[in-house]
Every structure is written in C-alpha cells, then in structure tokens.
PDB file of N, CA and C in Angstrom:
ATOM      1  N   UNK A   1     137.282  57.780 110.017  1.00  0.00           N
ATOM      2  CA  UNK A   1     136.616  57.132 108.821  1.00  0.00           C
ATOM      3  C   UNK A   1     137.166  55.954 108.272  1.00  0.00           C
ATOM      4  N   UNK A   2     136.662  55.259 107.723  1.00  0.00           N
ATOM      5  CA  UNK A   2     136.899  53.369 107.830  1.00  0.00           C
ATOM      6  C   UNK A   2     137.406  53.149 106.368  1.00  0.00           C
ATOM      7  N   UNK A   3     137.991  52.890 105.810  1.00  0.00           N
ATOM      8  CA  UNK A   3     138.662  52.422 104.030  1.00  0.00           C
ATOM      9  C   UNK A   3     137.948  51.617 103.648  1.00  0.00           C
ATOM     10  N   UNK A   4     136.848  51.214 102.732  1.00  0.00           N
ATOM     11  CA  UNK A   4     136.413  50.456 102.402  1.00  0.00           C
ATOM     12  C   UNK A   4     136.917  49.899 101.186  1.00  0.00           C
ATOM     13  N   UNK A   5     137.394  50.091 101.029  1.00  0.00           N
ATOM     14  CA  UNK A   5     137.834  49.989  99.300  1.00  0.00           C
ATOM     15  C   UNK A   5     139.241  50.594  98.919  1.00  0.00           C
ATOM     16  N   UNK A   6     140.199  50.374  98.652  1.00  0.00           N
ATOM     17  CA  UNK A   6     141.108  51.023  97.897  1.00  0.00           C
ATOM     18  C   UNK A   6     142.389  49.625  97.394  1.00  0.00           C
ATOM     19  N   UNK A   7     142.329  50.751  96.331  1.00  0.00           N
ATOM     20  CA  UNK A   7     143.036  49.830  94.709  1.00  0.00           C
ATOM     21  C   UNK A   7     143.772  50.679  94.094  1.00  0.00           C
ATOM     22  N   UNK A   8     144.748  50.656  93.325  1.00  0.00           N
ATOM     23  CA  UNK A   8     145.437  51.629  92.252  1.00  0.00           C
ATOM     24  C   UNK A   8     144.589  52.589  91.582  1.00  0.00           C
ATOM     25  N   UNK A   9     143.253  52.052  91.209  1.00  0.00           N
ATOM     26  CA  UNK A   9     142.234  53.026  90.892  1.00  0.00           C
ATOM     27  C   UNK A   9     140.813  54.080  91.367  1.00  0.00           C
ATOM     28  N   UNK A  10     140.870  53.178  92.617  1.00  0.00           N
ATOM     29  CA  UNK A  10     139.829  53.385  93.385  1.00  0.00           C
ATOM     30  C   UNK A  10     140.211  54.045  94.749  1.00  0.00           C
ATOM     31  N   UNK A  11     139.414  54.639  95.567  1.00  0.00           N
ATOM     32  CA  UNK A  11     139.240  54.281  96.790  1.00  0.00           C
ATOM     33  C   UNK A  11     138.005  54.755  97.664  1.00  0.00           C
ATOM     34  N   UNK A  12     137.647  53.929  98.496  1.00  0.00           N
ATOM     35  CA  UNK A  12     136.039  54.693  99.101  1.00  0.00           C
ATOM     36  C   UNK A  12     136.662  54.239 100.653  1.00  0.00           C
ATOM     37  N   UNK A  13     135.706  55.183 100.906  1.00  0.00           N
ATOM     38  CA  UNK A  13     135.264  55.324 102.647  1.00  0.00           C
ATOM     39  C   UNK A  13     134.357  55.430 103.025  1.00  0.00           C
ATOM     40  N   UNK A  14     134.191  55.297 104.506  1.00  0.00           N
ATOM     41  CA  UNK A  14     132.861  55.395 104.959  1.00  0.00           C
ATOM     42  C   UNK A  14     133.251  55.764 105.898  1.00  0.00           C
ATOM     43  N   UNK A  15     132.029  56.361 107.264  1.00  0.00           N
ATOM     44  CA  UNK A  15     131.921  57.396 108.592  1.00  0.00           C
ATOM     45  C   UNK A  15     132.262  55.044 109.270  1.00  0.00           C
ATOM     46  N   UNK A  16     132.941  54.839 110.089  1.00  0.00           N
ATOM     47  CA  UNK A  16     132.993  54.547 111.135  1.00  0.00           C
ATOM     48  C   UNK A  16     131.744  53.676 111.475  1.00  0.00           C
ATOM     49  N   UNK A  17     130.669  54.281 111.722  1.00  0.00           N
ATOM     50  CA  UNK A  17     129.354  53.844 112.119  1.00  0.00           C
ATOM     51  C   UNK A  17     128.193  53.122 111.015  1.00  0.00           C
ATOM     52  N   UNK A  18     128.562  51.767 111.031  1.00  0.00           N
ATOM     53  CA  UNK A  18     127.992  50.965 110.302  1.00  0.00           C
ATOM     54  C   UNK A  18     126.674  51.093 109.296  1.00  0.00           C
ATOM     55  N   UNK A  19     126.074  51.904 110.509  1.00  0.00           N
ATOM     56  CA  UNK A  19     124.788  52.285 109.795  1.00  0.00           C
ATOM     57  C   UNK A  19     124.640  53.930 109.492  1.00  0.00           C
ATOM     58  N   UNK A  20     125.922  54.500 109.083  1.00  0.00           N
ATOM     59  CA  UNK A  20     125.713  55.762 108.494  1.00  0.00           C
ATOM     60  C   UNK A  20     125.850  56.310 106.958  1.00  0.00           C
ATOM     61  N   UNK A  21     125.388  56.835 106.639  1.00  0.00           N
ATOM     62  CA  UNK A  21     125.376  57.177 105.559  1.00  0.00           C
ATOM     63  C   UNK A  21     126.545  57.499 104.692  1.00  0.00           C
ATOM     64  N   UNK A  22     127.579  58.221 105.707  1.00  0.00           N
ATOM     65  CA  UNK A  22     128.726  59.400 105.006  1.00  0.00           C
ATOM     66  C   UNK A  22     129.217  58.467 104.874  1.00  0.00           C
ATOM     67  N   UNK A  23     129.622  58.409 102.946  1.00  0.00           N
ATOM     68  CA  UNK A  23     130.753  58.091 102.395  1.00  0.00           C
ATOM     69  C   UNK A  23     131.135  59.511 101.013  1.00  0.00           C
ATOM     70  N   UNK A  24     132.298  58.322 100.632  1.00  0.00           N
ATOM     71  CA  UNK A  24     133.042  58.990  99.721  1.00  0.00           C
ATOM     72  C   UNK A  24     133.889  58.202  98.942  1.00  0.00           C
ATOM     73  N   UNK A  25     133.737  58.645  97.897  1.00  0.00           N
ATOM     74  CA  UNK A  25     134.493  57.780  96.630  1.00  0.00           C
ATOM     75  C   UNK A  25     134.719  58.370  95.038  1.00  0.00           C
ATOM     76  N   UNK A  26     135.871  58.001  95.295  1.00  0.00           N
ATOM     77  CA  UNK A  26     137.171  58.648  94.060  1.00  0.00           C
ATOM     78  C   UNK A  26     137.330  57.980  93.021  1.00  0.00           C
ATOM     79  N   UNK A  27     137.938  57.967  91.806  1.00  0.00           N
ATOM     80  CA  UNK A  27     138.435  57.550  90.900  1.00  0.00           C
ATOM     81  C   UNK A  27     139.390  57.886  90.344  1.00  0.00           C
ATOM     82  N   UNK A  28     140.535  57.317  89.843  1.00  0.00           N
ATOM     83  CA  UNK A  28     141.530  57.897  89.057  1.00  0.00           C
ATOM     84  C   UNK A  28     141.155  58.642  87.797  1.00  0.00           C
ATOM     85  N   UNK A  29     141.352  59.387  87.905  1.00  0.00           N
ATOM     86  CA  UNK A  29     140.942  59.731  86.022  1.00  0.00           C
ATOM     87  C   UNK A  29     142.016  59.242  84.844  1.00  0.00           C
ATOM     88  N   UNK A  30     142.173  58.893  83.641  1.00  0.00           N
ATOM     89  CA  UNK A  30     142.016  57.897  82.977  1.00  0.00           C
ATOM     90  C   UNK A  30     143.541  58.903  82.315  1.00  0.00           C
ATOM     91  N   UNK A  31     145.291  57.852  82.491  1.00  0.00           N
ATOM     92  CA  UNK A  31     146.036  58.733  81.593  1.00  0.00           C
ATOM     93  C   UNK A  31     146.732  60.119  82.873  1.00  0.00           C
ATOM     94  N   UNK A  32     146.658  59.633  84.092  1.00  0.00           N
ATOM     95  CA  UNK A  32     146.458  60.731  84.407  1.00  0.00           C
ATOM     96  C   UNK A  32     147.258  60.580  85.973  1.00  0.00           C
ATOM     97  N   UNK A  33     147.440  61.544  87.043  1.00  0.00           N
ATOM     98  CA  UNK A  33     147.514  61.021  88.312  1.00  0.00           C
ATOM     99  C   UNK A  33     146.637  61.488  89.403  1.00  0.00           C
ATOM    100  N   UNK A  34     145.879  61.923  88.629  1.00  0.00           N
ATOM    101  CA  UNK A  34     144.655  62.690  89.761  1.00  0.00           C
ATOM    102  C   UNK A  34     143.436  61.689  90.047  1.00  0.00           C
ATOM    103  N   UNK A  35     143.095  62.384  90.938  1.00  0.00           N
ATOM    104  CA  UNK A  35     141.693  61.109  91.508  1.00  0.00           C
ATOM    105  C   UNK A  35     140.531  62.284  90.772  1.00  0.00           C
ATOM    106  N   UNK A  36     138.928  61.634  90.569  1.00  0.00           N
ATOM    107  CA  UNK A  36     138.198  62.735  90.713  1.00  0.00           C
ATOM    108  C   UNK A  36     136.924  62.228  91.773  1.00  0.00           C
ATOM    109  N   UNK A  37     136.143  62.538  92.255  1.00  0.00           N
ATOM    110  CA  UNK A  37     135.151  62.270  93.337  1.00  0.00           C
ATOM    111  C   UNK A  37     134.393  61.642  92.699  1.00  0.00           C
ATOM    112  N   UNK A  38     133.322  60.780  92.521  1.00  0.00           N
ATOM    113  CA  UNK A  38     132.359  60.734  91.508  1.00  0.00           C
ATOM    114  C   UNK A  38     131.277  60.096  92.880  1.00  0.00           C
ATOM    115  N   UNK A  39     131.506  60.452  93.657  1.00  0.00           N
ATOM    116  CA  UNK A  39     130.657  60.250  94.857  1.00  0.00           C
ATOM    117  C   UNK A  39     130.518  60.901  96.032  1.00  0.00           C
ATOM    118  N   UNK A  40     130.007  61.196  96.439  1.00  0.00           N
ATOM    119  CA  UNK A  40     130.037  62.036  98.794  1.00  0.00           C
ATOM    120  C   UNK A  40     128.970  62.406  98.572  1.00  0.00           C
ATOM    121  N   UNK A  41     128.156  61.826  99.875  1.00  0.00           N
ATOM    122  CA  UNK A  41     127.159  62.188 100.623  1.00  0.00           C
ATOM    123  C   UNK A  41     128.061  62.119 102.005  1.00  0.00           C
ATOM    124  N   UNK A  42     127.935  63.827 102.245  1.00  0.00           N
ATOM    125  CA  UNK A  42     128.148  64.141 103.527  1.00  0.00           C
ATOM    126  C   UNK A  42     127.130  64.291 104.429  1.00  0.00           C
ATOM    127  N   UNK A  43     126.142  63.777 104.366  1.00  0.00           N
ATOM    128  CA  UNK A  43     125.186  63.227 104.999  1.00  0.00           C
ATOM    129  C   UNK A  43     125.241  62.731 106.479  1.00  0.00           C
ATOM    130  N   UNK A  44     126.013  63.293 107.581  1.00  0.00           N
ATOM    131  CA  UNK A  44     126.609  62.266 108.546  1.00  0.00           C
ATOM    132  C   UNK A  44     124.811  61.885 109.216  1.00  0.00           C
ATOM    133  N   UNK A  45     124.488  60.879 109.196  1.00  0.00           N
ATOM    134  CA  UNK A  45     123.214  59.971 109.995  1.00  0.00           C
ATOM    135  C   UNK A  45     123.076  59.699 111.454  1.00  0.00           C
ATOM    136  N   UNK A  46     124.713  59.092 112.014  1.00  0.00           N
ATOM    137  CA  UNK A  46     124.306  58.711 113.390  1.00  0.00           C
ATOM    138  C   UNK A  46     125.291  59.885 114.082  1.00  0.00           C
ATOM    139  N   UNK A  47     125.197  59.336 115.490  1.00  0.00           N
ATOM    140  CA  UNK A  47     125.490  60.540 116.290  1.00  0.00           C
ATOM    141  C   UNK A  47     127.202  61.079 117.207  1.00  0.00           C
ATOM    142  N   UNK A  48     127.102  62.062 117.376  1.00  0.00           N
ATOM    143  CA  UNK A  48     128.763  62.015 118.220  1.00  0.00           C
ATOM    144  C   UNK A  48     128.487  61.226 119.185  1.00  0.00           C
ATOM    145  N   UNK A  49     128.475  60.964 119.670  1.00  0.00           N
ATOM    146  CA  UNK A  49     128.516  59.376 120.906  1.00  0.00           C
ATOM    147  C   UNK A  49     129.118  58.350 120.135  1.00  0.00           C
ATOM    148  N   UNK A  50     128.145  58.336 118.395  1.00  0.00           N
ATOM    149  CA  UNK A  50     128.409  56.654 118.357  1.00  0.00           C
ATOM    150  C   UNK A  50     130.251  56.989 117.339  1.00  0.00           C
ATOM    151  N   UNK A  51     129.772  57.916 116.726  1.00  0.00           N
ATOM    152  CA  UNK A  51     131.508  57.611 116.605  1.00  0.00           C
ATOM    153  C   UNK A  51     132.805  58.218 117.497  1.00  0.00           C
ATOM    154  N   UNK A  52     132.538  58.382 118.386  1.00  0.00           N
ATOM    155  CA  UNK A  52     132.920  58.694 119.947  1.00  0.00           C
ATOM    156  C   UNK A  52     133.692  57.127 119.921  1.00  0.00           C
ATOM    157  N   UNK A  53     133.081  56.195 120.460  1.00  0.00           N
ATOM    158  CA  UNK A  53     132.808  54.973 120.543  1.00  0.00           C
ATOM    159  C   UNK A  53     134.364  54.523 119.902  1.00  0.00           C
ATOM    160  N   UNK A  54     134.155  54.615 118.578  1.00  0.00           N
ATOM    161  CA  UNK A  54     134.680  53.492 117.639  1.00  0.00           C
ATOM    162  C   UNK A  54     136.827  54.597 117.573  1.00  0.00           C
ATOM    163  N   UNK A  55     136.444  56.193 118.063  1.00  0.00           N
ATOM    164  CA  UNK A  55     137.887  56.673 117.932  1.00  0.00           C
ATOM    165  C   UNK A  55     138.129  56.856 119.254  1.00  0.00           C
ATOM    166  N   UNK A  56     139.703  56.845 118.671  1.00  0.00           N
ATOM    167  CA  UNK A  56     140.444  57.029 120.817  1.00  0.00           C
ATOM    168  C   UNK A  56     140.451  59.133 120.252  1.00  0.00           C
ATOM    169  N   UNK A  57     141.024  59.528 119.456  1.00  0.00           N
ATOM    170  CA  UNK A  57     141.360  61.331 119.799  1.00  0.00           C
ATOM    171  C   UNK A  57     140.318  61.792 119.725  1.00  0.00           C
ATOM    172  N   UNK A  58     139.216  62.510 120.170  1.00  0.00           N
ATOM    173  CA  UNK A  58     137.871  63.331 120.257  1.00  0.00           C
ATOM    174  C   UNK A  58     138.233  63.841 120.092  1.00  0.00           C
ATOM    175  N   UNK A  59     137.221  65.063 118.402  1.00  0.00           N
ATOM    176  CA  UNK A  59     136.971  65.609 118.064  1.00  0.00           C
ATOM    177  C   UNK A  59     136.705  67.123 119.354  1.00  0.00           C
ATOM    178  N   UNK A  60     137.026  68.571 118.573  1.00  0.00           N
ATOM    179  CA  UNK A  60     136.976  69.725 119.821  1.00  0.00           C
ATOM    180  C   UNK A  60     135.496  69.801 119.711  1.00  0.00           C
ATOM    181  N   UNK A  61     134.765  68.955 119.017  1.00  0.00           N
ATOM    182  CA  UNK A  61     133.442  69.181 119.343  1.00  0.00           C
ATOM    183  C   UNK A  61     132.814  68.274 120.778  1.00  0.00           C
ATOM    184  N   UNK A  62     133.183  67.065 120.166  1.00  0.00           N
ATOM    185  CA  UNK A  62     133.754  65.757 121.318  1.00  0.00           C
ATOM    186  C   UNK A  62     133.716  66.464 122.975  1.00  0.00           C
ATOM    187  N   UNK A  63     134.754  67.025 122.655  1.00  0.00           N
ATOM    188  CA  UNK A  63     134.904  67.296 124.530  1.00  0.00           C
ATOM    189  C   UNK A  63     134.584  68.248 125.009  1.00  0.00           C
ATOM    190  N   UNK A  64     133.922  69.705 124.141  1.00  0.00           N
ATOM    191  CA  UNK A  64     133.025  70.743 124.125  1.00  0.00           C
ATOM    192  C   UNK A  64     131.643  70.168 124.794  1.00  0.00           C
ATOM    193  N   UNK A  65     131.242  69.305 124.003  1.00  0.00           N
ATOM    194  CA  UNK A  65     130.128  68.803 124.361  1.00  0.00           C
ATOM    195  C   UNK A  65     130.813  67.912 126.148  1.00  0.00           C
ATOM    196  N   UNK A  66     131.200  67.476 125.980  1.00  0.00           N
ATOM    197  CA  UNK A  66     131.439  66.704 127.512  1.00  0.00           C
ATOM    198  C   UNK A  66     131.598  67.622 128.614  1.00  0.00           C
ATOM    199  N   UNK A  67     132.523  68.771 128.074  1.00  0.00           N
ATOM    200  CA  UNK A  67     132.845  69.793 129.669  1.00  0.00           C
ATOM    201  C   UNK A  67     132.204  71.066 129.245  1.00  0.00           C
ATOM    202  N   UNK A  68     131.019  71.199 128.966  1.00  0.00           N
ATOM    203  CA  UNK A  68     130.258  73.010 128.348  1.00  0.00           C
ATOM    204  C   UNK A  68     129.506  72.979 129.838  1.00  0.00           C
ATOM    205  N   UNK A  69     129.792  72.247 130.513  1.00  0.00           N
ATOM    206  CA  UNK A  69     128.555  72.098 131.922  1.00  0.00           C
ATOM    207  C   UNK A  69     129.631  72.868 132.753  1.00  0.00           C
ATOM    208  N   UNK A  70     131.218  72.318 133.229  1.00  0.00           N
ATOM    209  CA  UNK A  70     131.451  72.891 133.972  1.00  0.00           C
ATOM    210  C   UNK A  70     132.194  74.384 133.724  1.00  0.00           C
ATOM    211  N   UNK A  71     132.022  75.056 133.018  1.00  0.00           N
ATOM    212  CA  UNK A  71     132.329  76.526 132.833  1.00  0.00           C
ATOM    213  C   UNK A  71     131.321  77.437 132.749  1.00  0.00           C
ATOM    214  N   UNK A  72     130.377  76.874 133.841  1.00  0.00           N
ATOM    215  CA  UNK A  72     129.328  77.971 134.217  1.00  0.00           C
ATOM    216  C   UNK A  72     129.356  79.066 135.147  1.00  0.00           C
ATOM    217  N   UNK A  73     130.753  78.891 135.939  1.00  0.00           N
ATOM    218  CA  UNK A  73     131.505  80.194 136.614  1.00  0.00           C
ATOM    219  C   UNK A  73     132.278  80.400 136.592  1.00  0.00           C
ATOM    220  N   UNK A  74     132.760  80.314 134.984  1.00  0.00           N
ATOM    221  CA  UNK A  74     134.061  80.709 134.656  1.00  0.00           C
ATOM    222  C   UNK A  74     135.216  80.460 135.424  1.00  0.00           C
ATOM    223  N   UNK A  75     134.872  79.081 135.531  1.00  0.00           N
ATOM    224  CA  UNK A  75     136.335  78.122 136.627  1.00  0.00           C
ATOM    225  C   UNK A  75     137.213  77.793 135.033  1.00  0.00           C
ATOM    226  N   UNK A  76     138.323  78.087 136.107  1.00  0.00           N
ATOM    227  CA  UNK A  76     139.861  77.713 134.967  1.00  0.00           C
ATOM    228  C   UNK A  76     139.729  76.175 135.257  1.00  0.00           C
ATOM    229  N   UNK A  77     139.960  76.056 133.732  1.00  0.00           N
ATOM    230  CA  UNK A  77     139.780  73.705 133.652  1.00  0.00           C
ATOM    231  C   UNK A  77     141.144  73.626 132.930  1.00  0.00           C
ATOM    232  N   UNK A  78     141.708  73.370 133.644  1.00  0.00           N
ATOM    233  CA  UNK A  78     143.422  72.764 133.578  1.00  0.00           C
ATOM    234  C   UNK A  78     142.913  71.119 132.202  1.00  0.00           C
ATOM    235  N   UNK A  79     144.284  71.177 131.664  1.00  0.00           N
ATOM    236  CA  UNK A  79     144.558  70.699 130.478  1.00  0.00           C
ATOM    237  C   UNK A  79     143.947  69.331 131.025  1.00  0.00           C
ATOM    238  N   UNK A  80     144.966  68.855 132.180  1.00  0.00           N
ATOM    239  CA  UNK A  80     145.076  67.687 132.553  1.00  0.00           C
ATOM    240  C   UNK A  80     143.805  67.157 133.233  1.00  0.00           C
ATOM    241  N   UNK A  81     142.953  68.562 134.333  1.00  0.00           N
ATOM    242  CA  UNK A  81     141.717  68.002 134.498  1.00  0.00           C
ATOM    243  C   UNK A  81     140.806  67.663 132.914  1.00  0.00           C
ATOM    244  N   UNK A  82     140.598  68.082 132.020  1.00  0.00           N
ATOM    245  CA  UNK A  82     139.302  68.067 130.801  1.00  0.00           C
ATOM    246  C   UNK A  82     140.756  66.285 130.819  1.00  0.00           C
ATOM    247  N   UNK A  83     141.709  66.261 130.331  1.00  0.00           N
ATOM    248  CA  UNK A  83     141.743  64.399 129.614  1.00  0.00           C
ATOM    249  C   UNK A  83     141.739  63.211 131.418  1.00  0.00           C
ATOM    250  N   UNK A  84     141.630  64.130 132.565  1.00  0.00           N
ATOM    251  CA  UNK A  84     141.377  62.760 133.203  1.00  0.00           C
ATOM    252  C   UNK A  84     139.530  62.449 133.256  1.00  0.00           C
ATOM    253  N   UNK A  85     139.050  63.518 133.124  1.00  0.00           N
ATOM    254  CA  UNK A  85     137.356  63.801 132.859  1.00  0.00           C
ATOM    255  C   UNK A  85     137.075  62.920 131.611  1.00  0.00           C
ATOM    256  N   UNK A  86     137.778  63.297 130.855  1.00  0.00           N
ATOM    257  CA  UNK A  86     137.586  62.226 129.153  1.00  0.00           C
ATOM    258  C   UNK A  86     137.667  60.848 129.893  1.00  0.00           C
ATOM    259  N   UNK A  87     138.136  60.814 130.431  1.00  0.00           N
ATOM    260  CA  UNK A  87     139.080  58.723 130.340  1.00  0.00           C
ATOM    261  C   UNK A  87     138.558  58.811 131.144  1.00  0.00           C
ATOM    262  N   UNK A  88     137.179  59.042 131.767  1.00  0.00           N
ATOM    263  CA  UNK A  88     136.564  58.768 132.546  1.00  0.00           C
ATOM    264  C   UNK A  88     134.780  58.188 131.571  1.00  0.00           C
TER     265      UNK A  88
END
C-alpha cells in the first residue's frame, strides 16, 4: 500500500499500482482518539505481478505461484533454493 494523505484527522492509503481501485479512507471521530472507516474499496483491479514489481518482500501467494511447478514430483525444495529462484 501507499500512503496518499495523512494528517491528524484523516488517513488515506491506496494500492501501490496507480490504476488499481483498492483504497481505504479513515477519519478521526470528533472528540475521540478513534478513527472511523469512511470509504473502503477492497476490490483489487491490478495483477499480483504488478504489485510484486513494487514490493521487495513477496507475499506467500506470490512465492507459491512462482514455485508451484517445482513440486510435481514431491521434490524437497530448500528455503535457500526458493530465495535463489525468486531473485532471478
């Protein structure tokens, strides 16, 4: 996610991919320390690959999609090998 606007009364974040619709907007409740969700669009319109290009830490889903073909014969796949393959 990318912080779009942030101050003492509001906080807005969006997907790191520019044309994606995912976003969250919260505002501070008056006379309180709490924030209230004002708008939340939880629909990702970008691809996993597009998000992956902007993110150094891969999610479990991204890693799984990348290495799933290596497990056809129940092969032992060591963490170091996974890291090496992901860095290519």
